[in-house]
């Protein structure tokens, strides 16, 4: 199936919506790649945490809770202003199919720097039962918030 990619830059505390919903919900998506890069690599220290959710977010924090059913992915990238010290990158995402909007949040735990993201989503055609399950799961997650 086709791959859709999205990229952007999030400020510290930033929240962004990626609009994926359709009128009939027949198109699903799953994350196949998530990449992060500091906005000023090698020039400013930063510890960037990016999380992707299936429900709207109103706050941004540094807590990662993989038992949260609305959390689709988390990525953590560090950069130091001294090239002697290596940065690190950790990306974890769930192999789940969703058919509604997703919400990306960013927190720089160190210094308030921005981060760039690139996400690739594989499009998946949903039959009626898969569509219903995905939609009901989204409704349940929203009501559980």
Protein backbone atom coordinates (compact mmCIF):
# COMPACT_ATOMS: atom_id res chain seq x y z
CA UNK A 1 0.00 0.00 0.00
CA UNK A 2 1.08 3.63 -0.45
CA UNK A 3 3.15 5.46 2.15
CA UNK A 4 2.21 8.97 3.33
CA UNK A 5 4.89 11.05 4.97
CA UNK A 6 4.63 14.06 7.20
CA UNK A 7 7.35 16.31 8.55
CA UNK A 8 7.52 19.36 10.69
CA UNK A 9 9.19 21.20 13.52
CA UNK A 10 7.81 21.30 17.04
CA UNK A 11 8.76 23.88 19.65
CA UNK A 12 9.26 22.80 23.25
CA UNK A 13 5.77 22.08 24.58
CA UNK A 14 4.37 21.96 21.04
CA UNK A 15 1.30 19.96 20.06
CA UNK A 16 0.43 19.25 16.42
CA UNK A 17 -2.46 17.43 14.77
CA UNK A 18 -2.02 15.27 11.68
CA UNK A 19 -5.40 15.11 9.98
CA UNK A 20 -6.14 11.59 8.73
CA UNK A 21 -9.87 11.15 9.30
CA UNK A 22 -12.24 10.54 6.41
CA UNK A 23 -16.02 10.61 6.16
CA UNK A 24 -16.36 6.83 5.99
CA UNK A 25 -13.24 5.70 7.92
CA UNK A 26 -12.38 3.13 5.25
CA UNK A 27 -8.69 4.10 5.13
CA UNK A 28 -6.47 3.03 7.98
CA UNK A 29 -2.85 3.84 8.74
CA UNK A 30 0.03 2.35 10.67
CA UNK A 31 3.37 3.88 11.53
CA UNK A 32 6.29 2.41 9.60
CA UNK A 33 8.95 5.03 10.39
CA UNK A 34 9.53 7.84 12.87
CA UNK A 35 12.68 9.95 12.71
CA UNK A 36 13.76 12.85 14.92
CA UNK A 37 16.48 15.48 14.55
CA UNK A 38 17.33 18.33 16.87
CA UNK A 39 16.64 21.75 15.37
CA UNK A 40 20.22 22.88 16.07
CA UNK A 41 22.29 19.68 16.17
CA UNK A 42 25.73 20.02 17.69
CA UNK A 43 25.21 23.64 18.71
CA UNK A 44 22.79 23.41 21.63
CA UNK A 45 22.29 20.70 24.25
CA UNK A 46 18.87 19.11 24.16
CA UNK A 47 16.92 16.06 25.30
CA UNK A 48 13.88 15.85 23.02
CA UNK A 49 10.94 13.58 23.80
CA UNK A 50 8.28 13.19 21.09
CA UNK A 51 5.09 11.20 21.64
CA UNK A 52 2.28 10.36 19.21
CA UNK A 53 -1.25 9.78 20.49
CA UNK A 54 -4.62 8.76 19.06
CA UNK A 55 -6.48 11.31 21.18
CA UNK A 56 -6.08 15.10 21.50
CA UNK A 57 -3.56 16.27 24.09
CA UNK A 58 -3.86 19.41 26.20
CA UNK A 59 -0.59 19.16 28.13
CA UNK A 60 2.93 18.02 27.37
CA UNK A 61 5.13 16.27 29.94
CA UNK A 62 8.17 14.03 30.10
CA UNK A 63 6.26 10.90 31.23
CA UNK A 64 6.32 7.89 28.89
CA UNK A 65 3.71 5.26 29.81
CA UNK A 66 3.54 2.31 27.41
CA UNK A 67 0.47 0.99 29.23
CA UNK A 68 -1.44 4.01 27.85
CA UNK A 69 -3.57 2.56 25.02
CA UNK A 70 -3.68 5.95 23.28
CA UNK A 71 0.12 6.17 22.93
CA UNK A 72 1.17 5.07 19.43
CA UNK A 73 4.85 6.00 19.50
CA UNK A 74 7.61 7.62 21.52
CA UNK A 75 10.98 8.91 20.42
CA UNK A 76 13.86 10.32 22.44
CA UNK A 77 16.88 12.06 20.92
CA UNK A 78 19.73 13.82 22.71
CA UNK A 79 22.31 16.23 21.39
CA UNK A 80 25.19 17.89 23.14
CA UNK A 81 26.91 21.14 22.22
CA UNK A 82 30.29 19.43 22.51
CA UNK A 83 31.12 16.97 19.68
CA UNK A 84 33.13 14.87 22.14
CA UNK A 85 29.89 13.52 23.56
CA UNK A 86 27.73 11.33 21.36
CA UNK A 87 24.00 11.82 21.19
CA UNK A 88 21.48 9.01 21.42
CA UNK A 89 18.25 8.08 19.68
CA UNK A 90 15.47 5.72 20.77
CA UNK A 91 12.30 5.21 18.73
CA UNK A 92 9.49 2.84 19.69
CA UNK A 93 6.16 2.56 17.90
CA UNK A 94 3.20 0.21 18.04
CA UNK A 95 2.10 -1.91 15.09
CA UNK A 96 -1.53 -0.83 15.38
CA UNK A 97 -3.91 0.36 12.67
CA UNK A 98 -5.83 3.60 13.27
CA UNK A 99 -8.23 5.58 11.06
CA UNK A 100 -8.52 8.92 12.84
CA UNK A 101 -6.30 11.95 13.40
CA UNK A 102 -3.09 11.57 15.39
CA UNK A 103 -1.51 14.07 17.77
CA UNK A 104 2.22 14.72 18.14
CA UNK A 105 3.66 16.35 21.27
CA UNK A 106 7.20 17.45 22.10
CA UNK A 107 9.05 18.21 25.33
CA UNK A 108 12.72 19.22 25.57
CA UNK A 109 13.71 18.06 29.03
CA UNK A 110 17.08 19.84 28.94
CA UNK A 111 16.98 23.32 27.41
CA UNK A 112 13.76 24.13 25.56
CA UNK A 113 15.04 23.50 22.03
CA UNK A 114 12.80 22.62 19.06
CA UNK A 115 12.89 19.27 17.27
CA UNK A 116 12.20 18.17 13.68
CA UNK A 117 10.18 15.05 12.98
CA UNK A 118 9.52 12.86 9.96
CA UNK A 119 6.84 10.21 10.12
CA UNK A 120 5.85 7.66 7.49
CA UNK A 121 2.43 6.02 7.60
CA UNK A 122 1.41 3.03 5.52
CA UNK A 123 -2.10 3.31 4.16
CA UNK A 124 -4.24 0.23 4.79
CA UNK A 125 -7.63 -0.30 3.14
CA UNK A 126 -10.12 -1.34 5.83
CA UNK A 127 -13.12 -3.57 5.28
CA UNK A 128 -16.35 -2.76 7.13
CA UNK A 129 -15.55 -4.82 10.25
CA UNK A 130 -11.99 -3.43 10.54
CA UNK A 131 -13.36 0.08 10.06
CA UNK A 132 -15.91 -0.45 12.82
CA UNK A 133 -13.33 -1.87 15.24
CA UNK A 134 -10.87 0.99 14.62
CA UNK A 135 -13.57 3.64 15.02
CA UNK A 136 -14.99 2.09 18.20
CA UNK A 137 -11.50 1.83 19.68
CA UNK A 138 -10.95 5.54 18.99
CA UNK A 139 -14.29 6.45 20.57
CA UNK A 140 -13.50 4.35 23.65
CA UNK A 141 -10.06 6.00 24.00
CA UNK A 142 -11.53 9.50 23.72
CA UNK A 143 -14.22 8.77 26.30
CA UNK A 144 -11.60 7.26 28.62
CA UNK A 145 -9.63 10.52 28.73
